[in-house]
C-alpha cells in the first residue's frame, strides 16, 4: 500500500510540474471533496448522538446477536408459538 501511495505522489508531483496552472483548481476540488466528506462524518455523528437511545439499542442488539447466535431462531419459534396460543387457526 505504501508503495502505491508513493507512486501516486510521484505521479501527481510530475503532473503538477507539467501543468502548474491546474494546481490551484485541483487543490480547490480536493478541498471541496474533503470538506464534503468531513460534513458527512459530522452529520452521521450528530445523528447518532441526537438519537443516542436508538444507537445504543442497535449496538446492544448487534452484540447480543454476536454472543448468542441462536437468538433469531429462538425468536422465530417463540413468535410462532405465541401466535399459535392466541390464534391457532393462523399458526
N, C-alpha and C. Protein backbone atom coordinates (compact mmCIF):
# COMPACT_ATOMS: atom_id res chain seq x y z
N UNK A 1 0.83 -1.19 0.00
CA UNK A 1 0.00 0.00 0.00
C UNK A 1 0.87 1.25 0.00
N UNK A 2 1.92 1.21 0.79
CA UNK A 2 2.80 2.38 0.87
C UNK A 2 3.48 2.63 -0.47
N UNK A 3 3.84 1.55 -1.18
CA UNK A 3 4.49 1.71 -2.49
C UNK A 3 3.53 2.35 -3.49
N UNK A 4 2.27 1.97 -3.44
CA UNK A 4 1.29 2.55 -4.35
C UNK A 4 1.08 4.04 -4.05
N UNK A 5 1.04 4.38 -2.77
CA UNK A 5 0.89 5.79 -2.40
C UNK A 5 2.10 6.60 -2.83
N UNK A 6 3.27 6.02 -2.74
CA UNK A 6 4.49 6.70 -3.17
C UNK A 6 4.45 6.96 -4.67
N UNK A 7 4.05 5.94 -5.44
CA UNK A 7 3.94 6.12 -6.88
C UNK A 7 2.89 7.17 -7.23
N UNK A 8 1.77 7.17 -6.51
CA UNK A 8 0.73 8.17 -6.74
C UNK A 8 1.25 9.58 -6.45
N UNK A 9 1.99 9.72 -5.36
CA UNK A 9 2.55 11.03 -5.01
C UNK A 9 3.53 11.51 -6.08
N UNK A 10 4.37 10.62 -6.58
CA UNK A 10 5.30 10.99 -7.63
C UNK A 10 4.56 11.38 -8.90
N UNK A 11 3.54 10.62 -9.26
CA UNK A 11 2.78 10.92 -10.48
C UNK A 11 2.10 12.28 -10.35
N UNK A 12 1.50 12.56 -9.21
CA UNK A 12 0.85 13.85 -9.01
C UNK A 12 1.87 14.99 -9.00
N UNK A 13 3.02 14.75 -8.42
CA UNK A 13 4.08 15.76 -8.44
C UNK A 13 4.55 16.08 -9.84
N UNK A 14 4.72 15.05 -10.66
CA UNK A 14 5.13 15.27 -12.04
C UNK A 14 4.05 15.98 -12.84
N UNK A 15 2.79 15.64 -12.59
CA UNK A 15 1.70 16.35 -13.26
C UNK A 15 1.65 17.81 -12.83
N UNK A 16 1.92 18.08 -11.57
CA UNK A 16 1.93 19.47 -11.09
C UNK A 16 3.06 20.26 -11.74
N UNK A 17 4.20 19.61 -11.95
CA UNK A 17 5.31 20.29 -12.63
C UNK A 17 4.98 20.53 -14.10
N UNK A 18 4.29 19.58 -14.73
CA UNK A 18 3.98 19.71 -16.15
C UNK A 18 2.86 20.72 -16.40
N UNK A 19 1.92 20.83 -15.47
CA UNK A 19 0.75 21.71 -15.65
C UNK A 19 0.55 22.57 -14.40
N UNK A 20 1.41 23.56 -14.18
CA UNK A 20 1.31 24.34 -12.94
C UNK A 20 0.03 25.17 -12.83
N UNK A 21 -0.60 25.50 -13.95
CA UNK A 21 -1.82 26.31 -13.89
C UNK A 21 -3.01 25.53 -13.32
N UNK A 22 -2.94 24.21 -13.41
CA UNK A 22 -4.05 23.39 -12.92
C UNK A 22 -3.97 23.08 -11.42
N UNK A 23 -2.85 23.35 -10.81
CA UNK A 23 -2.66 23.01 -9.40
C UNK A 23 -3.69 23.69 -8.49
N UNK A 24 -3.93 25.00 -8.60
CA UNK A 24 -4.94 25.62 -7.73
C UNK A 24 -6.34 25.04 -7.93
N UNK A 25 -6.68 24.74 -9.17
CA UNK A 25 -8.01 24.17 -9.44
C UNK A 25 -8.14 22.78 -8.80
N UNK A 26 -7.12 21.96 -8.97
CA UNK A 26 -7.14 20.61 -8.39
C UNK A 26 -7.21 20.68 -6.87
N UNK A 27 -6.45 21.58 -6.28
CA UNK A 27 -6.47 21.72 -4.83
C UNK A 27 -7.84 22.20 -4.34
N UNK A 28 -8.49 23.08 -5.10
CA UNK A 28 -9.83 23.53 -4.73
C UNK A 28 -10.82 22.36 -4.77
N UNK A 29 -10.74 21.56 -5.83
CA UNK A 29 -11.65 20.43 -5.95
C UNK A 29 -11.40 19.43 -4.82
N UNK A 30 -10.14 19.15 -4.53
CA UNK A 30 -9.83 18.23 -3.43
C UNK A 30 -10.28 18.80 -2.09
N UNK A 31 -10.13 20.09 -1.91
CA UNK A 31 -10.59 20.72 -0.67
C UNK A 31 -12.10 20.61 -0.49
N UNK A 32 -12.83 20.81 -1.59
CA UNK A 32 -14.29 20.67 -1.51
C UNK A 32 -14.68 19.23 -1.21
N UNK A 33 -14.00 18.27 -1.83
CA UNK A 33 -14.31 16.86 -1.59
C UNK A 33 -14.03 16.49 -0.14
N UNK A 34 -12.92 16.95 0.40
CA UNK A 34 -12.58 16.66 1.80
C UNK A 34 -13.59 17.32 2.73
N UNK A 35 -13.99 18.56 2.41
CA UNK A 35 -14.97 19.25 3.25
C UNK A 35 -16.31 18.53 3.22
N UNK A 36 -16.72 18.03 2.06
CA UNK A 36 -17.98 17.30 1.97
C UNK A 36 -17.91 16.00 2.76
N UNK A 37 -16.79 15.30 2.67
CA UNK A 37 -16.64 14.06 3.42
C UNK A 37 -16.66 14.33 4.92
N UNK A 38 -16.00 15.39 5.34
CA UNK A 38 -15.99 15.75 6.77
C UNK A 38 -17.39 16.14 7.23
N UNK A 39 -18.14 16.85 6.39
CA UNK A 39 -19.51 17.23 6.75
C UNK A 39 -20.39 16.00 6.88
N UNK A 40 -20.19 15.01 6.02
CA UNK A 40 -20.97 13.78 6.11
C UNK A 40 -20.65 13.04 7.40
N UNK A 41 -19.38 12.97 7.76
CA UNK A 41 -18.99 12.29 9.00
C UNK A 41 -19.58 13.01 10.21
N UNK A 42 -19.49 14.33 10.21
CA UNK A 42 -20.05 15.10 11.33
C UNK A 42 -21.57 14.92 11.38
N UNK A 43 -22.22 14.85 10.24
CA UNK A 43 -23.66 14.64 10.21
C UNK A 43 -24.06 13.30 10.79
N UNK A 44 -23.33 12.25 10.44
CA UNK A 44 -23.63 10.92 10.97
C UNK A 44 -23.38 10.88 12.47
N UNK A 45 -22.29 11.48 12.92
CA UNK A 45 -22.01 11.51 14.36
C UNK A 45 -23.07 12.31 15.09
N UNK A 46 -23.48 13.43 14.51
CA UNK A 46 -24.52 14.24 15.12
C UNK A 46 -25.84 13.50 15.22
N UNK A 47 -26.20 12.76 14.16
CA UNK A 47 -27.45 11.99 14.20
C UNK A 47 -27.36 10.90 15.27
N UNK A 48 -26.23 10.23 15.35
CA UNK A 48 -26.07 9.16 16.35
C UNK A 48 -26.16 9.72 17.76
N UNK A 49 -25.60 10.90 17.99
CA UNK A 49 -25.67 11.49 19.32
C UNK A 49 -27.08 12.01 19.63
N UNK A 50 -27.77 12.52 18.62
CA UNK A 50 -29.13 13.02 18.84
C UNK A 50 -30.09 11.86 19.11
N UNK A 51 -29.81 10.71 18.54
CA UNK A 51 -30.66 9.54 18.72
C UNK A 51 -29.91 8.47 19.51
N UNK A 52 -29.38 8.88 20.65
CA UNK A 52 -28.47 8.00 21.41
C UNK A 52 -29.17 6.74 21.89
N UNK A 53 -30.45 6.82 22.27
CA UNK A 53 -31.12 5.61 22.75
C UNK A 53 -31.27 4.59 21.63
N UNK A 54 -31.60 5.06 20.42
CA UNK A 54 -31.70 4.13 19.29
C UNK A 54 -30.33 3.55 18.96
N UNK A 55 -29.31 4.39 18.97
CA UNK A 55 -27.96 3.93 18.66
C UNK A 55 -27.49 2.88 19.65
N UNK A 56 -27.71 3.13 20.94
CA UNK A 56 -27.30 2.16 21.96
C UNK A 56 -28.11 0.88 21.88
N UNK A 57 -29.40 0.99 21.57
CA UNK A 57 -30.22 -0.21 21.42
C UNK A 57 -29.74 -1.05 20.25
N UNK A 58 -29.47 -0.41 19.11
CA UNK A 58 -28.97 -1.14 17.95
C UNK A 58 -27.63 -1.80 18.25
N UNK A 59 -26.75 -1.09 18.96
CA UNK A 59 -25.45 -1.67 19.31
C UNK A 59 -25.61 -2.86 20.24
N UNK A 60 -26.52 -2.77 21.21
CA UNK A 60 -26.72 -3.88 22.14
C UNK A 60 -27.32 -5.09 21.42
N UNK A 61 -28.22 -4.85 20.47
CA UNK A 61 -28.79 -5.97 19.70
C UNK A 61 -27.70 -6.65 18.89
N UNK A 62 -26.84 -5.88 18.26
CA UNK A 62 -25.75 -6.49 17.49
C UNK A 62 -24.81 -7.29 18.37
N UNK A 63 -24.51 -6.77 19.57
CA UNK A 63 -23.65 -7.52 20.48
C UNK A 63 -24.32 -8.80 20.96
N UNK A 64 -25.61 -8.72 21.28
CA UNK A 64 -26.32 -9.92 21.71
C UNK A 64 -26.39 -10.97 20.60
N UNK A 65 -26.58 -10.52 19.37
CA UNK A 65 -26.60 -11.48 18.26
C UNK A 65 -25.24 -12.13 18.06
N UNK A 66 -24.18 -11.40 18.38
CA UNK A 66 -22.84 -11.99 18.26
C UNK A 66 -22.57 -12.98 19.40
N UNK A 67 -23.04 -12.63 20.61
CA UNK A 67 -22.79 -13.50 21.76
C UNK A 67 -23.69 -14.74 21.72
N UNK A 68 -24.96 -14.55 21.33
CA UNK A 68 -25.93 -15.64 21.29
C UNK A 68 -26.43 -15.80 19.85
N UNK A 69 -25.72 -16.56 19.01
CA UNK A 69 -26.10 -16.64 17.60
C UNK A 69 -27.44 -17.36 17.37
N UNK A 70 -27.98 -18.07 18.34
CA UNK A 70 -29.24 -18.79 18.16
C UNK A 70 -30.47 -17.95 18.45
N UNK A 71 -30.30 -16.69 18.82
CA UNK A 71 -31.44 -15.85 19.20
C UNK A 71 -32.45 -15.68 18.06
N UNK A 72 -32.04 -15.43 16.82
CA UNK A 72 -33.07 -15.27 15.77
C UNK A 72 -33.93 -16.52 15.61
N UNK A 73 -33.34 -17.70 15.68
CA UNK A 73 -34.10 -18.95 15.56
C UNK A 73 -35.04 -19.10 16.74
N UNK A 74 -34.53 -18.80 17.96
CA UNK A 74 -35.38 -18.89 19.15
C UNK A 74 -36.52 -17.89 19.07
N UNK A 75 -36.24 -16.68 18.60
CA UNK A 75 -37.27 -15.66 18.49
C UNK A 75 -38.35 -16.08 17.48
N UNK A 76 -37.94 -16.70 16.37
CA UNK A 76 -38.92 -17.15 15.37
C UNK A 76 -39.82 -18.22 15.96
N UNK A 77 -39.22 -19.19 16.69
CA UNK A 77 -40.02 -20.25 17.31
C UNK A 77 -40.95 -19.69 18.37
N UNK A 78 -40.47 -18.76 19.16
CA UNK A 78 -41.33 -18.19 20.21
C UNK A 78 -42.45 -17.35 19.59
N UNK A 79 -42.18 -16.67 18.48
CA UNK A 79 -43.21 -15.89 17.81
C UNK A 79 -44.31 -16.80 17.28
N UNK A 80 -43.91 -17.91 16.63
CA UNK A 80 -44.90 -18.85 16.11
C UNK A 80 -45.71 -19.45 17.25
N UNK A 81 -45.05 -19.78 18.36
CA UNK A 81 -45.77 -20.35 19.50
C UNK A 81 -46.74 -19.35 20.10
N UNK A 82 -46.35 -18.09 20.18
CA UNK A 82 -47.25 -17.08 20.76
C UNK A 82 -48.44 -16.83 19.84
N UNK A 83 -48.22 -16.84 18.52
CA UNK A 83 -49.34 -16.68 17.59
C UNK A 83 -50.26 -17.89 17.69
N UNK A 84 -49.68 -19.08 17.81
CA UNK A 84 -50.49 -20.29 17.93
C UNK A 84 -51.32 -20.28 19.21
N UNK A 85 -50.77 -19.69 20.28
CA UNK A 85 -51.53 -19.63 21.53
C UNK A 85 -52.69 -18.64 21.44
N UNK A 86 -52.50 -17.56 20.72
CA UNK A 86 -53.54 -16.53 20.63
C UNK A 86 -54.54 -16.86 19.51
N UNK A 87 -54.05 -17.26 18.37
CA UNK A 87 -54.91 -17.53 17.22
C UNK A 87 -54.47 -18.82 16.57
N UNK A 88 -54.94 -19.97 17.03
CA UNK A 88 -54.47 -21.27 16.49
C UNK A 88 -54.72 -21.44 15.00
N UNK A 89 -55.75 -20.81 14.46
CA UNK A 89 -56.04 -21.00 13.04
C UNK A 89 -55.02 -20.30 12.14
N UNK A 90 -54.26 -19.32 12.67
CA UNK A 90 -53.27 -18.60 11.86
C UNK A 90 -51.88 -19.19 11.98
N UNK A 91 -51.67 -20.08 12.90
CA UNK A 91 -50.32 -20.62 13.12
C UNK A 91 -49.98 -21.70 12.14
